[in-house]
PDB file of N, CA and C in Angstrom:
ATOM      1  N   UNK A   1     -21.613  -0.039 -13.254  1.00  0.00           N
ATOM      2  CA  UNK A   1     -21.490   0.927 -13.322  1.00  0.00           C
ATOM      3  C   UNK A   1     -20.546   1.438 -12.389  1.00  0.00           C
ATOM      4  N   UNK A   2     -18.887   2.368 -12.988  1.00  0.00           N
ATOM      5  CA  UNK A   2     -18.199   2.843 -11.976  1.00  0.00           C
ATOM      6  C   UNK A   2     -18.647   4.467 -11.264  1.00  0.00           C
ATOM      7  N   UNK A   3     -18.630   4.007  -9.886  1.00  0.00           N
ATOM      8  CA  UNK A   3     -18.678   5.657  -9.254  1.00  0.00           C
ATOM      9  C   UNK A   3     -17.793   6.007  -8.098  1.00  0.00           C
ATOM     10  N   UNK A   4     -17.510   7.379  -8.256  1.00  0.00           N
ATOM     11  CA  UNK A   4     -16.374   7.278  -7.587  1.00  0.00           C
ATOM     12  C   UNK A   4     -17.089   8.383  -6.234  1.00  0.00           C
ATOM     13  N   UNK A   5     -16.087   8.938  -5.263  1.00  0.00           N
ATOM     14  CA  UNK A   5     -16.768   9.303  -3.899  1.00  0.00           C
ATOM     15  C   UNK A   5     -17.234  10.582  -4.504  1.00  0.00           C
ATOM     16  N   UNK A   6     -16.337  11.340  -5.370  1.00  0.00           N
ATOM     17  CA  UNK A   6     -16.749  12.985  -6.372  1.00  0.00           C
ATOM     18  C   UNK A   6     -18.022  12.777  -6.811  1.00  0.00           C
ATOM     19  N   UNK A   7     -18.329  11.854  -7.405  1.00  0.00           N
ATOM     20  CA  UNK A   7     -19.715  11.415  -7.940  1.00  0.00           C
ATOM     21  C   UNK A   7     -20.945  11.894  -7.468  1.00  0.00           C
ATOM     22  N   UNK A   8     -20.538  10.986  -6.086  1.00  0.00           N
ATOM     23  CA  UNK A   8     -21.826  10.574  -5.450  1.00  0.00           C
ATOM     24  C   UNK A   8     -22.018  11.320  -4.480  1.00  0.00           C
ATOM     25  N   UNK A   9     -20.825  11.711  -3.685  1.00  0.00           N
ATOM     26  CA  UNK A   9     -20.998  12.667  -2.220  1.00  0.00           C
ATOM     27  C   UNK A   9     -20.811  13.996  -2.548  1.00  0.00           C
ATOM     28  N   UNK A  10     -20.063  14.531  -3.372  1.00  0.00           N
ATOM     29  CA  UNK A  10     -20.154  15.430  -3.753  1.00  0.00           C
ATOM     30  C   UNK A  10     -18.412  15.888  -3.299  1.00  0.00           C
ATOM     31  N   UNK A  11     -17.497  14.722  -2.445  1.00  0.00           N
ATOM     32  CA  UNK A  11     -16.123  15.050  -1.881  1.00  0.00           C
ATOM     33  C   UNK A  11     -15.621  14.481  -2.978  1.00  0.00           C
ATOM     34  N   UNK A  12     -14.184  15.218  -2.696  1.00  0.00           N
ATOM     35  CA  UNK A  12     -13.057  14.187  -3.371  1.00  0.00           C
ATOM     36  C   UNK A  12     -11.756  14.056  -2.306  1.00  0.00           C
ATOM     37  N   UNK A  13     -11.481  13.173  -2.381  1.00  0.00           N
ATOM     38  CA  UNK A  13     -10.001  12.577  -0.792  1.00  0.00           C
ATOM     39  C   UNK A  13      -8.545  12.551  -1.847  1.00  0.00           C
ATOM     40  N   UNK A  14      -8.488  13.552  -2.675  1.00  0.00           N
ATOM     41  CA  UNK A  14      -7.044  13.047  -2.744  1.00  0.00           C
ATOM     42  C   UNK A  14      -6.483  13.001  -1.837  1.00  0.00           C
ATOM     43  N   UNK A  15      -5.677  13.828  -0.868  1.00  0.00           N
ATOM     44  CA  UNK A  15      -4.905  13.982   0.242  1.00  0.00           C
ATOM     45  C   UNK A  15      -5.012  12.556   1.296  1.00  0.00           C
ATOM     46  N   UNK A  16      -6.370  11.942   1.176  1.00  0.00           N
ATOM     47  CA  UNK A  16      -6.737  10.693   1.732  1.00  0.00           C
ATOM     48  C   UNK A  16      -5.833   9.589   1.051  1.00  0.00           C
ATOM     49  N   UNK A  17      -5.936   9.487  -0.359  1.00  0.00           N
ATOM     50  CA  UNK A  17      -5.637   8.769  -1.136  1.00  0.00           C
ATOM     51  C   UNK A  17      -4.225   8.553  -1.071  1.00  0.00           C
ATOM     52  N   UNK A  18      -3.923   9.610  -0.760  1.00  0.00           N
ATOM     53  CA  UNK A  18      -1.610  10.214  -1.105  1.00  0.00           C
ATOM     54  C   UNK A  18      -1.403   9.898   0.371  1.00  0.00           C
ATOM     55  N   UNK A  19      -2.163   9.804   1.154  1.00  0.00           N
ATOM     56  CA  UNK A  19      -1.844   9.314   2.531  1.00  0.00           C
ATOM     57  C   UNK A  19      -1.802   7.756   2.622  1.00  0.00           C
ATOM     58  N   UNK A  20      -2.989   7.203   1.946  1.00  0.00           N
ATOM     59  CA  UNK A  20      -2.600   5.943   2.417  1.00  0.00           C
ATOM     60  C   UNK A  20      -2.095   4.873   1.593  1.00  0.00           C
ATOM     61  N   UNK A  21      -1.731   5.710   0.276  1.00  0.00           N
ATOM     62  CA  UNK A  21      -0.750   5.077  -0.906  1.00  0.00           C
ATOM     63  C   UNK A  21       0.709   4.907  -0.413  1.00  0.00           C
ATOM     64  N   UNK A  22       1.320   6.142   0.428  1.00  0.00           N
ATOM     65  CA  UNK A  22       2.445   6.413   1.374  1.00  0.00           C
ATOM     66  C   UNK A  22       2.226   5.257   1.992  1.00  0.00           C
ATOM     67  N   UNK A  23       0.986   4.906   2.869  1.00  0.00           N
ATOM     68  CA  UNK A  23       1.266   4.441   3.959  1.00  0.00           C
ATOM     69  C   UNK A  23       1.454   2.683   3.663  1.00  0.00           C
ATOM     70  N   UNK A  24       0.878   2.410   2.825  1.00  0.00           N
ATOM     71  CA  UNK A  24       1.278   0.964   1.767  1.00  0.00           C
ATOM     72  C   UNK A  24       2.574   0.630   1.682  1.00  0.00           C
ATOM     73  N   UNK A  25       3.174   1.848   0.938  1.00  0.00           N
ATOM     74  CA  UNK A  25       4.402   2.041   0.484  1.00  0.00           C
ATOM     75  C   UNK A  25       5.243   1.520   1.643  1.00  0.00           C
ATOM     76  N   UNK A  26       5.047   2.202   2.693  1.00  0.00           N
ATOM     77  CA  UNK A  26       6.376   2.210   4.144  1.00  0.00           C
ATOM     78  C   UNK A  26       5.979   0.972   4.373  1.00  0.00           C
ATOM     79  N   UNK A  27       4.557   0.062   4.636  1.00  0.00           N
ATOM     80  CA  UNK A  27       4.844  -0.825   4.926  1.00  0.00           C
ATOM     81  C   UNK A  27       5.284  -2.283   4.415  1.00  0.00           C
ATOM     82  N   UNK A  28       5.341  -1.734   2.929  1.00  0.00           N
ATOM     83  CA  UNK A  28       5.540  -3.182   2.034  1.00  0.00           C
ATOM     84  C   UNK A  28       7.041  -2.731   1.883  1.00  0.00           C
ATOM     85  N   UNK A  29       7.975  -1.383   2.259  1.00  0.00           N
ATOM     86  CA  UNK A  29       9.141  -1.454   2.313  1.00  0.00           C
ATOM     87  C   UNK A  29      10.049  -2.063   3.616  1.00  0.00           C
ATOM     88  N   UNK A  30       9.132  -2.034   4.759  1.00  0.00           N
ATOM     89  CA  UNK A  30       9.341  -2.359   6.058  1.00  0.00           C
ATOM     90  C   UNK A  30       9.584  -4.030   6.150  1.00  0.00           C
ATOM     91  N   UNK A  31       8.663  -4.721   5.165  1.00  0.00           N
ATOM     92  CA  UNK A  31       8.315  -6.285   5.702  1.00  0.00           C
ATOM     93  C   UNK A  31       9.769  -6.287   4.312  1.00  0.00           C
ATOM     94  N   UNK A  32      10.038  -6.228   3.569  1.00  0.00           N
ATOM     95  CA  UNK A  32      10.795  -6.599   2.547  1.00  0.00           C
ATOM     96  C   UNK A  32      12.524  -6.395   3.065  1.00  0.00           C
ATOM     97  N   UNK A  33      12.685  -4.546   3.719  1.00  0.00           N
ATOM     98  CA  UNK A  33      14.110  -5.078   3.930  1.00  0.00           C
ATOM     99  C   UNK A  33      14.694  -5.653   5.003  1.00  0.00           C
ATOM    100  N   UNK A  34      13.614  -6.205   5.630  1.00  0.00           N
ATOM    101  CA  UNK A  34      14.129  -6.913   6.844  1.00  0.00           C
ATOM    102  C   UNK A  34      15.111  -8.436   6.206  1.00  0.00           C
ATOM    103  N   UNK A  35      14.678  -9.087   5.499  1.00  0.00           N
ATOM    104  CA  UNK A  35      15.438  -9.928   4.572  1.00  0.00           C
ATOM    105  C   UNK A  35      16.882 -10.179   4.832  1.00  0.00           C
ATOM    106  N   UNK A  36      17.331  -9.123   4.253  1.00  0.00           N
ATOM    107  CA  UNK A  36      19.242  -8.698   4.066  1.00  0.00           C
ATOM    108  C   UNK A  36      19.560  -8.282   5.562  1.00  0.00           C
ATOM    109  N   UNK A  37      18.594  -8.025   6.654  1.00  0.00           N
ATOM    110  CA  UNK A  37      19.225  -7.771   7.961  1.00  0.00           C
ATOM    111  C   UNK A  37      18.868  -8.482   8.566  1.00  0.00           C
ATOM    112  N   UNK A  38      18.804 -10.157   8.451  1.00  0.00           N
ATOM    113  CA  UNK A  38      18.322 -10.510   9.721  1.00  0.00           C
ATOM    114  C   UNK A  38      19.643 -11.193  10.423  1.00  0.00           C
ATOM    115  N   UNK A  39      20.729 -11.350   9.440  1.00  0.00           N
ATOM    116  CA  UNK A  39      22.202 -11.241  10.383  1.00  0.00           C
ATOM    117  C   UNK A  39      22.581 -10.559  11.278  1.00  0.00           C
ATOM    118  N   UNK A  40      22.384  -9.240  10.963  1.00  0.00           N
ATOM    119  CA  UNK A  40      22.622  -8.547  11.807  1.00  0.00           C
ATOM    120  C   UNK A  40      21.566  -8.461  13.187  1.00  0.00           C
ATOM    121  N   UNK A  41      19.916  -8.095  12.775  1.00  0.00           N
ATOM    122  CA  UNK A  41      18.951  -8.037  13.551  1.00  0.00           C
ATOM    123  C   UNK A  41      19.593  -9.555  14.562  1.00  0.00           C
ATOM    124  N   UNK A  42      20.025 -10.601  14.346  1.00  0.00           N
ATOM    125  CA  UNK A  42      20.227 -11.725  14.851  1.00  0.00           C
ATOM    126  C   UNK A  42      21.350 -11.471  15.949  1.00  0.00           C
ATOM    127  N   UNK A  43      22.288 -11.299  15.573  1.00  0.00           N
ATOM    128  CA  UNK A  43      23.797 -10.674  16.369  1.00  0.00           C
ATOM    129  C   UNK A  43      23.446  -9.474  16.965  1.00  0.00           C
ATOM    130  N   UNK A  44      22.664  -8.762  16.892  1.00  0.00           N
ATOM    131  CA  UNK A  44      22.272  -7.587  17.702  1.00  0.00           C
ATOM    132  C   UNK A  44      21.356  -8.106  19.067  1.00  0.00           C
ATOM    133  N   UNK A  45      20.444  -9.051  18.578  1.00  0.00           N
ATOM    134  CA  UNK A  45      19.676  -9.488  19.723  1.00  0.00           C
ATOM    135  C   UNK A  45      19.915 -10.880  20.558  1.00  0.00           C
ATOM    136  N   UNK A  46      21.242 -11.056  20.114  1.00  0.00           N
ATOM    137  CA  UNK A  46      21.594 -12.253  20.366  1.00  0.00           C
ATOM    138  C   UNK A  46      21.361 -13.395  20.255  1.00  0.00           C
ATOM    139  N   UNK A  47      20.807 -13.945  18.997  1.00  0.00           N
ATOM    140  CA  UNK A  47      19.473 -15.257  19.022  1.00  0.00           C
ATOM    141  C   UNK A  47      20.012 -16.304  17.431  1.00  0.00           C
ATOM    142  N   UNK A  48      19.237 -17.019  16.961  1.00  0.00           N
ATOM    143  CA  UNK A  48      19.889 -17.150  15.636  1.00  0.00           C
ATOM    144  C   UNK A  48      19.024 -16.224  15.058  1.00  0.00           C
ATOM    145  N   UNK A  49      19.517 -16.832  13.268  1.00  0.00           N
ATOM    146  CA  UNK A  49      18.800 -16.113  12.692  1.00  0.00           C
ATOM    147  C   UNK A  49      17.903 -16.748  12.663  1.00  0.00           C
ATOM    148  N   UNK A  50      17.302 -18.199  12.638  1.00  0.00           N
ATOM    149  CA  UNK A  50      15.793 -18.834  12.254  1.00  0.00           C
ATOM    150  C   UNK A  50      14.827 -17.892  13.457  1.00  0.00           C
ATOM    151  N   UNK A  51      15.045 -17.541  14.742  1.00  0.00           N
ATOM    152  CA  UNK A  51      14.621 -16.557  15.753  1.00  0.00           C
ATOM    153  C   UNK A  51      14.351 -15.421  15.785  1.00  0.00           C
ATOM    154  N   UNK A  52      15.462 -14.771  14.519  1.00  0.00           N
ATOM    155  CA  UNK A  52      15.006 -13.662  14.210  1.00  0.00           C
ATOM    156  C   UNK A  52      14.047 -13.375  12.958  1.00  0.00           C
ATOM    157  N   UNK A  53      14.518 -14.172  11.888  1.00  0.00           N
ATOM    158  CA  UNK A  53      13.196 -14.537  10.953  1.00  0.00           C
ATOM    159  C   UNK A  53      11.875 -14.834  11.131  1.00  0.00           C
ATOM    160  N   UNK A  54      11.619 -15.586  12.655  1.00  0.00           N
ATOM    161  CA  UNK A  54      10.593 -15.870  13.294  1.00  0.00           C
ATOM    162  C   UNK A  54       9.787 -14.303  13.560  1.00  0.00           C
ATOM    163  N   UNK A  55      10.455 -13.328  14.300  1.00  0.00           N
ATOM    164  CA  UNK A  55      10.291 -12.073  14.940  1.00  0.00           C
ATOM    165  C   UNK A  55       9.474 -11.441  13.474  1.00  0.00           C
ATOM    166  N   UNK A  56      10.100 -11.401  12.022  1.00  0.00           N
ATOM    167  CA  UNK A  56       9.957 -10.853  11.202  1.00  0.00           C
ATOM    168  C   UNK A  56       8.642 -11.535  11.031  1.00  0.00           C
ATOM    169  N   UNK A  57       8.101 -12.484  10.312  1.00  0.00           N
ATOM    170  CA  UNK A  57       7.209 -13.147  10.449  1.00  0.00           C
ATOM    171  C   UNK A  57       5.729 -12.510  10.984  1.00  0.00           C
ATOM    172  N   UNK A  58       6.188 -12.939  12.508  1.00  0.00           N
ATOM    173  CA  UNK A  58       4.832 -12.119  13.603  1.00  0.00           C
ATOM    174  C   UNK A  58       4.823 -10.858  12.781  1.00  0.00           C
ATOM    175  N   UNK A  59       5.748 -10.035  13.028  1.00  0.00           N
ATOM    176  CA  UNK A  59       5.536  -8.253  12.675  1.00  0.00           C
ATOM    177  C   UNK A  59       4.826  -8.321  11.504  1.00  0.00           C
ATOM    178  N   UNK A  60       5.168  -9.199  10.075  1.00  0.00           N
ATOM    179  CA  UNK A  60       4.291  -8.904   9.031  1.00  0.00           C
ATOM    180  C   UNK A  60       2.766  -9.708   9.276  1.00  0.00           C
ATOM    181  N   UNK A  61       2.666 -10.374  10.037  1.00  0.00           N
ATOM    182  CA  UNK A  61       1.337 -10.875  10.275  1.00  0.00           C
ATOM    183  C   UNK A  61       0.150 -10.374  11.270  1.00  0.00           C
ATOM    184  N   UNK A  62       1.134  -9.207  11.969  1.00  0.00           N
ATOM    185  CA  UNK A  62       0.397  -8.470  12.626  1.00  0.00           C
ATOM    186  C   UNK A  62      -0.255  -7.571  11.677  1.00  0.00           C
ATOM    187  N   UNK A  63       0.882  -7.099  10.803  1.00  0.00           N
ATOM    188  CA  UNK A  63       0.326  -5.888   9.852  1.00  0.00           C
ATOM    189  C   UNK A  63      -1.061  -6.499   8.956  1.00  0.00           C
ATOM    190  N   UNK A  64      -0.687  -7.630   8.639  1.00  0.00           N
ATOM    191  CA  UNK A  64      -1.603  -8.644   7.773  1.00  0.00           C
ATOM    192  C   UNK A  64      -2.954  -8.650   8.482  1.00  0.00           C
ATOM    193  N   UNK A  65      -3.353  -8.702   9.698  1.00  0.00           N
ATOM    194  CA  UNK A  65      -4.698  -8.830  10.588  1.00  0.00           C
ATOM    195  C   UNK A  65      -4.926  -7.263  10.633  1.00  0.00           C
ATOM    196  N   UNK A  66      -3.858  -6.433  10.888  1.00  0.00           N
ATOM    197  CA  UNK A  66      -4.607  -4.640  11.112  1.00  0.00           C
ATOM    198  C   UNK A  66      -5.092  -4.765   9.734  1.00  0.00           C
ATOM    199  N   UNK A  67      -4.741  -4.705   8.887  1.00  0.00           N
ATOM    200  CA  UNK A  67      -4.878  -4.115   7.626  1.00  0.00           C
ATOM    201  C   UNK A  67      -6.186  -4.634   7.611  1.00  0.00           C
ATOM    202  N   UNK A  68      -6.691  -6.007   7.372  1.00  0.00           N
ATOM    203  CA  UNK A  68      -7.985  -6.387   7.485  1.00  0.00           C
ATOM    204  C   UNK A  68      -8.958  -5.636   8.254  1.00  0.00           C
ATOM    205  N   UNK A  69      -8.806  -5.708   9.600  1.00  0.00           N
ATOM    206  CA  UNK A  69      -9.429  -4.893  10.736  1.00  0.00           C
ATOM    207  C   UNK A  69     -10.021  -3.485   9.930  1.00  0.00           C
ATOM    208  N   UNK A  70      -8.507  -2.804   9.850  1.00  0.00           N
ATOM    209  CA  UNK A  70      -8.951  -1.488   9.235  1.00  0.00           C
ATOM    210  C   UNK A  70      -9.487  -1.299   8.230  1.00  0.00           C
ATOM    211  N   UNK A  71      -9.497  -2.487   7.218  1.00  0.00           N
ATOM    212  CA  UNK A  71      -9.987  -2.222   5.789  1.00  0.00           C
ATOM    213  C   UNK A  71     -11.640  -2.249   5.948  1.00  0.00           C
ATOM    214  N   UNK A  72     -12.384  -3.520   6.837  1.00  0.00           N
ATOM    215  CA  UNK A  72     -13.179  -3.563   7.320  1.00  0.00           C
ATOM    216  C   UNK A  72     -14.109  -2.302   8.002  1.00  0.00           C
ATOM    217  N   UNK A  73     -13.036  -0.988   9.010  1.00  0.00           N
ATOM    218  CA  UNK A  73     -13.739  -0.317   9.747  1.00  0.00           C
ATOM    219  C   UNK A  73     -13.701   0.766   8.300  1.00  0.00           C
ATOM    220  N   UNK A  74     -12.817   0.778   7.774  1.00  0.00           N
ATOM    221  CA  UNK A  74     -13.369   1.694   6.191  1.00  0.00           C
ATOM    222  C   UNK A  74     -14.171   1.495   5.852  1.00  0.00           C
ATOM    223  N   UNK A  75     -14.816   0.299   5.408  1.00  0.00           N
ATOM    224  CA  UNK A  75     -15.669   0.467   4.647  1.00  0.00           C
ATOM    225  C   UNK A  75     -17.290   0.548   5.518  1.00  0.00           C
ATOM    226  N   UNK A  76     -16.873   0.169   6.950  1.00  0.00           N
ATOM    227  CA  UNK A  76     -18.021   0.346   7.587  1.00  0.00           C
ATOM    228  C   UNK A  76     -18.724   1.714   7.538  1.00  0.00           C
ATOM    229  N   UNK A  77     -17.677   2.860   7.254  1.00  0.00           N
ATOM    230  CA  UNK A  77     -17.616   4.122   7.128  1.00  0.00           C
ATOM    231  C   UNK A  77     -17.381   4.873   6.125  1.00  0.00           C
ATOM    232  N   UNK A  78     -17.789   3.988   4.972  1.00  0.00           N
ATOM    233  CA  UNK A  78     -18.020   4.896   3.658  1.00  0.00           C
ATOM    234  C   UNK A  78     -19.112   5.519   3.441  1.00  0.00           C
ATOM    235  N   UNK A  79     -19.985   5.481   4.059  1.00  0.00           N
ATOM    236  CA  UNK A  79     -21.147   6.672   3.576  1.00  0.00           C
ATOM    237  C   UNK A  79     -21.865   5.219   2.378  1.00  0.00           C
ATOM    238  N   UNK A  80     -21.900   4.336   2.066  1.00  0.00           N
ATOM    239  CA  UNK A  80     -22.151   3.401   1.018  1.00  0.00           C
ATOM    240  C   UNK A  80     -22.177   3.932  -0.166  1.00  0.00           C
ATOM    241  N   UNK A  81     -20.687   4.339  -0.148  1.00  0.00           N
ATOM    242  CA  UNK A  81     -19.865   4.520  -1.679  1.00  0.00           C
ATOM    243  C   UNK A  81     -19.311   3.726  -2.212  1.00  0.00           C
ATOM    244  N   UNK A  82     -19.796   3.042  -3.353  1.00  0.00           N
ATOM    245  CA  UNK A  82     -18.913   1.797  -4.092  1.00  0.00           C
ATOM    246  C   UNK A  82     -18.095   2.187  -4.748  1.00  0.00           C
ATOM    247  N   UNK A  83     -16.793   2.033  -4.383  1.00  0.00           N
ATOM    248  CA  UNK A  83     -15.658   3.058  -5.134  1.00  0.00           C
ATOM    249  C   UNK A  83     -14.806   1.590  -5.897  1.00  0.00           C
ATOM    250  N   UNK A  84     -15.357   1.821  -7.278  1.00  0.00           N
ATOM    251  CA  UNK A  84     -14.540   0.847  -7.878  1.00  0.00           C
ATOM    252  C   UNK A  84     -12.927   1.383  -8.551  1.00  0.00           C
ATOM    253  N   UNK A  85     -13.370   2.518  -9.202  1.00  0.00           N
ATOM    254  CA  UNK A  85     -12.311   3.295  -9.878  1.00  0.00           C
ATOM    255  C   UNK A  85     -12.683   4.770  -9.750  1.00  0.00           C
ATOM    256  N   UNK A  86     -11.738   5.445  -8.612  1.00  0.00           N
ATOM    257  CA  UNK A  86     -11.554   6.687  -8.580  1.00  0.00           C
ATOM    258  C   UNK A  86     -11.543   7.966  -9.803  1.00  0.00           C
ATOM    259  N   UNK A  87     -12.422   8.411  -9.511  1.00  0.00           N
ATOM    260  CA  UNK A  87     -12.178   9.640 -10.632  1.00  0.00           C
ATOM    261  C   UNK A  87     -11.378  10.603 -10.266  1.00  0.00           C
ATOM    262  N   UNK A  88      -9.957  10.521 -11.287  1.00  0.00           N
ATOM    263  CA  UNK A  88      -8.852  11.500 -10.518  1.00  0.00           C
ATOM    264  C   UNK A  88      -8.964  13.238 -11.577  1.00  0.00           C
ATOM    265  N   UNK A  89      -9.977  12.651 -12.475  1.00  0.00           N
ATOM    266  CA  UNK A  89      -9.936  13.867 -13.517  1.00  0.00           C
ATOM    267  C   UNK A  89     -10.125  15.229 -12.664  1.00  0.00           C
ATOM    268  N   UNK A  90     -10.846  15.655 -11.351  1.00  0.00           N
ATOM    269  CA  UNK A  90     -10.559  17.019 -10.596  1.00  0.00           C
ATOM    270  C   UNK A  90      -9.310  16.715  -9.891  1.00  0.00           C
ATOM    271  N   UNK A  91      -8.663  15.853  -9.436  1.00  0.00           N
ATOM    272  CA  UNK A  91      -7.440  15.955  -9.169  1.00  0.00           C
ATOM    273  C   UNK A  91      -6.643  16.869  -9.767  1.00  0.00           C
ATOM    274  N   UNK A  92      -6.110  15.921 -11.444  1.00  0.00           N
ATOM    275  CA  UNK A  92      -5.657  16.453 -12.332  1.00  0.00           C
ATOM    276  C   UNK A  92      -5.725  17.802 -12.496  1.00  0.00           C
ATOM    277  N   UNK A  93      -7.105  18.329 -12.770  1.00  0.00           N
ATOM    278  CA  UNK A  93      -7.244  19.343 -13.394  1.00  0.00           C
ATOM    279  C   UNK A  93      -6.926  20.548 -11.997  1.00  0.00           C
ATOM    280  N   UNK A  94      -7.111  20.211 -10.538  1.00  0.00           N
ATOM    281  CA  UNK A  94      -6.797  21.010  -9.960  1.00  0.00           C
ATOM    282  C   UNK A  94      -5.056  21.302  -9.764  1.00  0.00           C
ATOM    283  N   UNK A  95      -4.310  20.100 -10.184  1.00  0.00           N
ATOM    284  CA  UNK A  95      -2.647  20.566  -9.878  1.00  0.00           C
ATOM    285  C   UNK A  95      -2.309  21.104 -11.519  1.00  0.00           C
ATOM    286  N   UNK A  96      -3.116  21.281 -12.164  1.00  0.00           N
ATOM    287  CA  UNK A  96      -2.604  21.783 -13.561  1.00  0.00           C
ATOM    288  C   UNK A  96      -2.484  23.272 -13.120  1.00  0.00           C
TER     289      UNK A  96
END
């Protein structure tokens, strides 16, 4: 059975959902935009292109580890709510 935070706790989190979506968008954008910039990045840092690529890989791996830690942290403070599919009906109704 699908439960949403609003149906189990009486709270709705549209702002939190929007902020989290925006942060995910920025992270993916930051990781994918580094590929075309490797030549400029390597010349600005005075290194070779493979070393600049390793720098980007280290940054992406760090973000991946932080995502796992942040996911565990958010699960610990979810107040026992099992969110499979959030209920956006109240959010859509509030916007209208």
